[in-house]
C-alpha atoms as a PDB file:
ATOM      1  CA  MET A   1     126.026 191.306 -84.269  1.00  0.00           C
ATOM      2  CA  LYS A   2     123.253 189.527 -82.498  1.00  0.00           C
ATOM      3  CA  ARG A   3     125.274 189.372 -79.330  1.00  0.00           C
ATOM      4  CA  VAL A   4     125.885 193.162 -79.488  1.00  0.00           C
ATOM      5  CA  TYR A   5     122.172 193.815 -80.003  1.00  0.00           C
ATOM      6  CA  LEU A   6     121.154 191.737 -77.008  1.00  0.00           C
ATOM      7  CA  SER A   7     123.761 193.434 -74.898  1.00  0.00           C
ATOM      8  CA  ALA A   8     122.445 196.895 -75.894  1.00  0.00           C
ATOM      9  CA  LEU A   9     118.818 195.836 -75.202  1.00  0.00           C
ATOM     10  CA  ALA A  10     119.787 194.528 -71.772  1.00  0.00           C
ATOM     11  CA  GLY A  11     121.540 197.765 -71.013  1.00  0.00           C
ATOM     12  CA  LEU A  12     118.531 199.795 -72.073  1.00  0.00           C
ATOM     13  CA  MET A  13     116.203 197.724 -69.891  1.00  0.00           C
ATOM     14  CA  ALA A  14     118.551 198.115 -66.949  1.00  0.00           C
ATOM     15  CA  VAL A  15     118.396 201.884 -67.366  1.00  0.00           C
ATOM     16  CA  ALA A  16     114.635 202.064 -67.902  1.00  0.00           C
ATOM     17  CA  ALA A  17     113.659 199.766 -65.046  1.00  0.00           C
ATOM     18  CA  PRO A  18     114.735 202.179 -62.239  1.00  0.00           C
ATOM     19  CA  ALA A  19     112.927 205.083 -63.958  1.00  0.00           C
ATOM     20  CA  ILE A  20     109.710 203.034 -64.071  1.00  0.00           C
ATOM     21  CA  ALA A  21     110.179 201.997 -60.454  1.00  0.00           C
ATOM     22  CA  GLU A  22     110.784 205.638 -59.465  1.00  0.00           C
ATOM     23  CA  ALA A  23     107.630 206.785 -61.292  1.00  0.00           C
ATOM     24  CA  ALA A  24     105.609 204.206 -59.257  1.00  0.00           C
ATOM     25  CA  GLN A  25     106.885 205.468 -55.902  1.00  0.00           C
ATOM     26  CA  ALA A  26     105.497 208.124 -53.651  1.00  0.00           C
ATOM     27  CA  ILE A  27     106.070 209.616 -50.192  1.00  0.00           C
ATOM     28  CA  ALA A  28     103.449 209.738 -47.364  1.00  0.00           C
ATOM     29  CA  THR A  29     102.871 213.341 -46.426  1.00  0.00           C
ATOM     30  CA  ALA A  30     101.426 212.467 -42.991  1.00  0.00           C
ATOM     31  CA  ASN A  31     100.993 209.511 -40.675  1.00  0.00           C
ATOM     32  CA  VAL A  32      98.368 207.758 -42.704  1.00  0.00           C
ATOM     33  CA  ASN A  33      96.456 204.465 -42.386  1.00  0.00           C
ATOM     34  CA  LEU A  34      97.150 201.747 -44.913  1.00  0.00           C
ATOM     35  CA  ARG A  35      93.684 200.278 -45.343  1.00  0.00           C
ATOM     36  CA  ALA A  36      92.303 197.004 -46.560  1.00  0.00           C
ATOM     37  CA  GLY A  37      90.244 198.706 -49.198  1.00  0.00           C
ATOM     38  CA  PRO A  38      89.803 201.995 -51.089  1.00  0.00           C
ATOM     39  CA  SER A  39      87.751 203.820 -48.448  1.00  0.00           C
ATOM     40  CA  THR A  40      88.091 204.976 -44.928  1.00  0.00           C
ATOM     41  CA  GLN A  41      85.319 202.481 -44.060  1.00  0.00           C
ATOM     42  CA  TYR A  42      87.703 199.530 -44.549  1.00  0.00           C
ATOM     43  CA  PRO A  43      89.807 198.323 -41.580  1.00  0.00           C
ATOM     44  CA  PRO A  44      93.336 199.697 -41.181  1.00  0.00           C
ATOM     45  CA  VAL A  45      96.263 197.378 -41.738  1.00  0.00           C
ATOM     46  CA  LEU A  46      98.994 199.557 -40.245  1.00  0.00           C
ATOM     47  CA  VAL A  47     100.132 203.196 -40.122  1.00  0.00           C
ATOM     48  CA  VAL A  48     102.626 204.482 -42.697  1.00  0.00           C
ATOM     49  CA  PRO A  49     104.759 207.187 -40.985  1.00  0.00           C
ATOM     50  CA  ALA A  50     105.103 210.599 -42.700  1.00  0.00           C
ATOM     51  CA  GLY A  51     108.093 210.769 -45.054  1.00  0.00           C
ATOM     52  CA  ASN A  52     108.217 207.022 -45.806  1.00  0.00           C
ATOM     53  CA  ARG A  53     108.186 205.704 -49.307  1.00  0.00           C
ATOM     54  CA  VAL A  54     105.512 203.411 -50.730  1.00  0.00           C
ATOM     55  CA  ASN A  55     105.340 201.546 -54.054  1.00  0.00           C
ATOM     56  CA  ILE A  56     102.244 202.320 -56.094  1.00  0.00           C
ATOM     57  CA  PHE A  57     100.847 199.292 -57.992  1.00  0.00           C
ATOM     58  CA  GLY A  58      97.866 201.225 -59.400  1.00  0.00           C
ATOM     59  CA  CYS A  59      95.033 203.597 -58.630  1.00  0.00           C
ATOM     60  CA  LEU A  60      91.307 203.598 -59.149  1.00  0.00           C
ATOM     61  CA  SER A  61      89.945 205.542 -62.111  1.00  0.00           C
ATOM     62  CA  SER A  62      86.730 206.404 -60.231  1.00  0.00           C
ATOM     63  CA  ALA A  63      88.348 207.716 -57.026  1.00  0.00           C
ATOM     64  CA  ASN A  64      91.736 208.940 -55.823  1.00  0.00           C
ATOM     65  CA  TRP A  65      92.698 205.768 -53.973  1.00  0.00           C
ATOM     66  CA  CYS A  66      95.848 203.813 -54.742  1.00  0.00           C
ATOM     67  CA  ASP A  67      96.919 200.215 -54.192  1.00  0.00           C
ATOM     68  CA  VAL A  68     100.376 200.430 -52.547  1.00  0.00           C
ATOM     69  CA  GLY A  69     102.996 198.308 -50.871  1.00  0.00           C
ATOM     70  CA  TYR A  70     104.928 199.305 -47.760  1.00  0.00           C
ATOM     71  CA  SER A  71     107.417 197.305 -45.731  1.00  0.00           C
ATOM     72  CA  GLY A  72     106.059 193.982 -47.034  1.00  0.00           C
ATOM     73  CA  TYR A  73     102.423 194.936 -46.501  1.00  0.00           C
ATOM     74  CA  ARG A  74      99.761 195.654 -49.091  1.00  0.00           C
ATOM     75  CA  GLY A  75      96.840 198.054 -48.886  1.00  0.00           C
ATOM     76  CA  TRP A  76      95.172 201.308 -49.993  1.00  0.00           C
ATOM     77  CA  ILE A  77      96.039 204.925 -49.363  1.00  0.00           C
ATOM     78  CA  SER A  78      94.275 208.033 -50.615  1.00  0.00           C
ATOM     79  CA  GLY A  79      96.291 209.891 -53.231  1.00  0.00           C
ATOM     80  CA  SER A  80      95.659 213.068 -51.124  1.00  0.00           C
ATOM     81  CA  TYR A  81      98.339 211.790 -48.767  1.00  0.00           C
ATOM     82  CA  LEU A  82     100.833 210.716 -51.409  1.00  0.00           C
ATOM     83  CA  GLN A  83     103.380 212.955 -53.170  1.00  0.00           C
ATOM     84  CA  THR A  84     105.817 212.151 -55.976  1.00  0.00           C
ATOM     85  CA  GLN A  85     108.320 213.893 -58.134  1.00  0.00           C
ATOM     86  CA  TYR A  86     107.237 215.189 -61.507  1.00  0.00           C
ATOM     87  CA  SER A  87     108.994 217.787 -63.756  1.00  0.00           C
ATOM     88  CA  SER A  88     111.379 218.737 -60.923  1.00  0.00           C
ATOM     89  CA  ARG A  89     108.587 219.474 -58.454  1.00  0.00           C
ATOM     90  CA  ARG A  90     106.545 217.574 -55.926  1.00  0.00           C
ATOM     91  CA  ILE A  91     102.913 216.880 -56.789  1.00  0.00           C
ATOM     92  CA  TYR A  92     100.181 214.952 -55.147  1.00  0.00           C
ATOM     93  CA  VAL A  93      99.152 211.675 -56.743  1.00  0.00           C
ATOM     94  CA  ASP A  94      96.082 212.743 -58.726  1.00  0.00           C
ATOM     95  CA  PRO A  95      93.999 211.144 -61.537  1.00  0.00           C
ATOM     96  CA  ASP A  96      95.240 213.889 -63.834  1.00  0.00           C
ATOM     97  CA  TYR A  97      98.761 212.614 -63.463  1.00  0.00           C
ATOM     98  CA  TYR A  98      98.310 208.844 -63.524  1.00  0.00           C
ATOM     99  CA  GLY A  99      99.322 208.507 -67.142  1.00  0.00           C
ATOM    100  CA  ARG A 100     102.256 210.907 -66.908  1.00  0.00           C
ATOM    101  CA  LEU A 101     103.526 209.176 -63.748  1.00  0.00           C
ATOM    102  CA  GLY A 102     103.242 205.708 -65.297  1.00  0.00           C
ATOM    103  CA  ILE A 103     100.644 204.615 -62.729  1.00  0.00           C
ATOM    104  CA  PRO A 104      98.133 202.082 -64.129  1.00  0.00           C
ATOM    105  CA  THR A 105      94.455 202.204 -63.329  1.00  0.00           C
ATOM    106  CA  VAL A 106      93.171 199.151 -61.459  1.00  0.00           C
ATOM    107  CA  THR A 107      89.949 197.791 -59.984  1.00  0.00           C
ATOM    108  CA  PHE A 108      89.231 196.436 -56.488  1.00  0.00           C
ATOM    109  CA  ARG A 109      87.684 193.024 -55.888  1.00  0.00           C
ATOM    110  CA  ILE A 110      87.563 192.318 -52.209  1.00  0.00           C
ATOM    111  CA  ASP A 111      87.528 188.518 -52.443  1.00  0.00           C
ATOM    112  CA  GLN A 112      90.661 188.263 -54.595  1.00  0.00           C
ATOM    113  CA  TYR A 113      92.518 191.091 -52.881  1.00  0.00           C
ATOM    114  CA  TRP A 114      91.816 189.887 -49.356  1.00  0.00           C
ATOM    115  CA  ASP A 115      92.587 186.220 -50.239  1.00  0.00           C
ATOM    116  CA  ARG A 116      96.000 187.281 -51.450  1.00  0.00           C
ATOM    117  CA  ASN A 117      96.916 189.656 -48.647  1.00  0.00           C
ATOM    118  CA  TYR A 118      94.860 189.276 -45.469  1.00  0.00           C
ATOM    119  CA  ARG A 119      94.101 185.621 -44.756  1.00  0.00           C
ATOM    120  CA  GLY A 120      95.872 185.849 -41.380  1.00  0.00           C
ATOM    121  CA  ARG A 121      94.078 189.024 -40.336  1.00  0.00           C
ATOM    122  CA  ASP A 122      91.272 189.078 -37.817  1.00  0.00           C
ATOM    123  CA  PHE A 123      89.010 191.130 -40.094  1.00  0.00           C
ATOM    124  CA  TYR A 124      89.338 188.495 -42.837  1.00  0.00           C
ATOM    125  CA  ARG A 125      86.668 186.424 -41.040  1.00  0.00           C
ATOM    126  CA  ASP A 126      84.221 189.291 -41.397  1.00  0.00           C
ATOM    127  CA  ARG A 127      84.831 189.906 -45.099  1.00  0.00           C
ATOM    128  CA  ASP A 128      81.080 189.338 -45.885  1.00  0.00           C
ATOM    129  CA  ARG A 129      80.403 192.435 -43.816  1.00  0.00           C
ATOM    130  CA  TRP A 130      82.941 194.515 -45.758  1.00  0.00           C
ATOM    131  CA  ARG A 131      81.766 193.459 -49.202  1.00  0.00           C
ATOM    132  CA  ARG A 132      79.170 196.218 -49.063  1.00  0.00           C
ATOM    133  CA  ALA A 133      81.397 198.967 -47.643  1.00  0.00           C
ATOM    134  CA  PRO A 134      80.304 202.497 -48.613  1.00  0.00           C
ATOM    135  CA  PRO A 135      81.863 203.772 -51.866  1.00  0.00           C
ATOM    136  CA  PRO A 136      84.716 206.225 -51.624  1.00  0.00           C
ATOM    137  CA  PRO A 137      83.867 209.939 -51.574  1.00  0.00           C
ATOM    138  CA  PRO A 138      83.587 211.716 -54.929  1.00  0.00           C
ATOM    139  CA  VAL A 139      86.711 213.321 -56.522  1.00  0.00           C
ATOM    140  CA  TRP A 140      86.974 216.736 -58.015  1.00  0.00           C
ATOM    141  CA  HIS A 141      89.765 218.674 -59.741  1.00  0.00           C
ATOM    142  CA  ARG A 142      91.695 221.286 -57.766  1.00  0.00           C
ATOM    143  CA  ASP A 143      90.656 223.979 -60.247  1.00  0.00           C
ATOM    144  CA  GLY A 144      87.006 223.305 -59.989  1.00  0.00           C
ATOM    145  CA  PRO A 145      84.374 223.584 -57.226  1.00  0.00           C
ATOM    146  CA  PRO A 146      83.804 220.674 -54.829  1.00  0.00           C
ATOM    147  CA  PRO A 147      81.016 218.287 -55.777  1.00  0.00           C
ATOM    148  CA  ARG A 148      77.499 218.698 -54.478  1.00  0.00           C
ATOM    149  CA  PHE A 149      76.368 216.025 -52.096  1.00  0.00           C
ATOM    150  CA  SER A 150      72.814 214.847 -52.208  1.00  0.00           C
ATOM    151  CA  ASP A 151      70.580 216.239 -49.561  1.00  0.00           C
ATOM    152  CA  ASP A 152      68.595 213.402 -48.049  1.00  0.00           C
ATOM    153  CA  ARG A 153      66.532 215.641 -45.821  1.00  0.00           C
ATOM    154  CA  GLY A 154      62.768 215.328 -46.196  1.00  0.00           C
ATOM    155  CA  PRO A 155      60.650 218.128 -47.628  1.00  0.00           C
ATOM    156  CA  ASP A 156      59.765 219.349 -44.152  1.00  0.00           C
ATOM    157  CA  MET A 157      63.439 219.982 -43.428  1.00  0.00           C
ATOM    158  CA  ASN A 158      63.598 222.430 -46.297  1.00  0.00           C
ATOM    159  CA  ARG A 159      60.766 224.602 -45.052  1.00  0.00           C
ATOM    160  CA  PRO A 160      61.758 227.926 -43.542  1.00  0.00           C
ATOM    161  CA  GLY A 161      61.439 228.113 -39.825  1.00  0.00           C
ATOM    162  CA  PRO A 162      58.822 230.247 -38.066  1.00  0.00           C
ATOM    163  CA  HIS A 163      59.482 233.983 -38.147  1.00  0.00           C
ATOM    164  CA  PHE A 164      59.326 235.764 -34.814  1.00  0.00           C
ATOM    165  CA  ASP A 165      59.053 239.519 -34.504  1.00  0.00           C
ATOM    166  CA  ARG A 166      60.753 240.143 -31.209  1.00  0.00           C
ATOM    167  CA  HIS A 167      59.634 243.795 -31.042  1.00  0.00           C
ATOM    168  CA  ARG A 168      56.035 242.925 -31.730  1.00  0.00           C
ATOM    169  CA  GLU A 169      56.047 240.097 -29.154  1.00  0.00           C
ATOM    170  CA  ARG A 170      57.460 242.471 -26.571  1.00  0.00           C
ATOM    171  CA  ASP A 171      54.876 245.173 -27.262  1.00  0.00           C
ATOM    172  CA  ASP A 172      52.051 242.637 -27.087  1.00  0.00           C
ATOM    173  CA  PHE A 173      53.376 241.429 -23.750  1.00  0.00           C
ATOM    174  CA  ARG A 174      53.571 244.956 -22.385  1.00  0.00           C
ATOM    175  CA  ALA A 175      50.031 245.718 -23.537  1.00  0.00           C
ATOM    176  CA  ARG A 176      48.651 242.551 -21.843  1.00  0.00           C
ATOM    177  CA  ARG A 177      50.613 243.330 -18.663  1.00  0.00           C
ATOM    178  CA  ASP A 178      49.248 246.935 -18.483  1.00  0.00           C
ATOM    179  CA  GLN A 179      45.736 245.661 -19.217  1.00  0.00           C
ATOM    180  CA  ASP A 180      45.988 243.214 -16.320  1.00  0.00           C
ATOM    181  CA  ARG A 181      47.108 245.904 -14.032  1.00  0.00           C
ATOM    182  CA  ARG A 182      44.203 248.159 -14.970  1.00  0.00           C
ATOM    183  CA  ASP A 183      41.547 245.414 -14.710  1.00  0.00           C
ATOM    184  CA  ASP A 184      42.779 243.959 -11.495  1.00  0.00           C
ATOM    185  CA  PRO A 185      42.590 246.582  -8.707  1.00  0.00           C
ATOM    186  CA  ARG A 186      44.485 245.353  -5.734  1.00  0.00           C
ATOM    187  CA  GLU A 187      43.933 246.105  -2.064  1.00  0.00           C
ATOM    188  CA  ASP A 188      46.745 247.562  -0.064  1.00  0.00           C
ATOM    189  CA  PHE A 189      47.385 244.753   2.403  1.00  0.00           C
ATOM    190  CA  ASN A 190      50.323 246.576   3.961  1.00  0.00           C
ATOM    191  CA  ARG A 191      48.212 249.249   5.588  1.00  0.00           C
ATOM    192  CA  ARG A 192      46.747 248.366   8.980  1.00  0.00           C
ATOM    193  CA  PRO A 193      43.015 249.036   9.499  1.00  0.00           C
ATOM    194  CA  ASP A 194      43.713 251.350  12.372  1.00  0.00           C
ATOM    195  CA  ARG A 195      45.874 253.404  10.100  1.00  0.00           C
ATOM    196  CA  GLN A 196      43.136 254.125   7.567  1.00  0.00           C
ATOM    197  CA  PHE A 197      42.294 257.700   6.668  1.00  0.00           C
ATOM    198  CA  ASP A 198      40.153 259.263   9.324  1.00  0.00           C
ATOM    199  CA  GLY A 199      39.901 262.772   7.970  1.00  0.00           C
ATOM    200  CA  ARG A 200      42.814 264.031   9.966  1.00  0.00           C
ATOM    201  CA  PRO A 201      45.816 265.625   8.328  1.00  0.00           C
ATOM    202  CA  GLU A 202      48.744 263.223   8.433  1.00  0.00           C
ATOM    203  CA  GLY A 203      50.913 263.791  11.468  1.00  0.00           C
ATOM    204  CA  ARG A 204      48.147 265.552  13.553  1.00  0.00           C
ATOM    205  CA  PRO A 205      47.159 264.149  16.972  1.00  0.00           C
ATOM    206  CA  ARG A 206      43.677 262.744  17.491  1.00  0.00           C
ATOM    207  CA  GLY A 207      42.692 265.645  19.718  1.00  0.00           C
ATOM    208  CA  GLY A 208      42.941 267.994  16.826  1.00  0.00           C
ATOM    209  CA  GLY A 209      45.098 270.453  18.738  1.00  0.00           C
ATOM    210  CA  PRO A 210      48.357 271.926  17.733  1.00  0.00           C
ATOM    211  CA  ILE A 211      51.412 269.706  17.591  1.00  0.00           C
ATOM    212  CA  PRO A 212      53.463 270.262  20.775  1.00  0.00           C
ATOM    213  CA  VAL A 213      56.989 271.389  20.445  1.00  0.00           C
ATOM    214  CA  CYS A 214      59.224 269.672  22.978  1.00  0.00           C
ATOM    215  CA  GLY A 215      62.570 270.872  23.946  1.00  0.00           C
ATOM    216  CA  PRO A 216      65.479 268.817  25.137  1.00  0.00           C
ATOM    217  CA  GLY A 217      64.881 267.269  28.511  1.00  0.00           C
ATOM    218  CA  ASP A 218      61.161 268.342  28.601  1.00  0.00           C
ATOM    219  CA  VAL A 219      59.594 265.698  30.890  1.00  0.00           C
ATOM    220  CA  SER A 220      56.060 266.823  30.042  1.00  0.00           C
ATOM    221  CA  CYS A 221      56.465 265.674  26.447  1.00  0.00           C
ATOM    222  CA  ILE A 222      57.394 262.194  27.630  1.00  0.00           C
ATOM    223  CA  GLU A 223      54.272 262.038  29.895  1.00  0.00           C
ATOM    224  CA  ARG A 224      52.017 262.918  26.969  1.00  0.00           C
END
């Protein structure tokens, strides 16, 4: 009886194990960087090509970043680039589905994580620099509005800019221009002194006589 019970338990575990493994797998939806930490500020380890499977070891509860394994490498990928199967449909790996997908929540400690996975990497020597990497961006639910980011602009940046009345400026300019024209009489430098008005009607000869009418070939007109 004991032998039969152990055999049945072993069979149940054999059936359940693939299901658990399947629940912890996802597919990359694009060529995405596998990073050394849960932020785009951490150095990339390699690129996971679109359509390739990764194993999910856990995800952060505070942000949608998951600790995954791919082709013998370990690193972090945003859940926004990971899809998995749930209830006969594909869904993105999201904090709302962690429990239903069998994905545990984990934490990230750079010293322990890098000691286990990146001792041979060039960036491992600079781990002190990466200890204070910026936190990952905030996460919001798809049904809600995106989060508000703090505005670090100073009070002067929030003041409205100066208001310009283009029409008023244009009218003022025209008024000043006309005033300048009225107050600044100008001499006509294009007129020669010998062409000044001498009391004669324009086009009349100096002698004051009638204007001669010359016909074609009239030599006397030329002599005048």
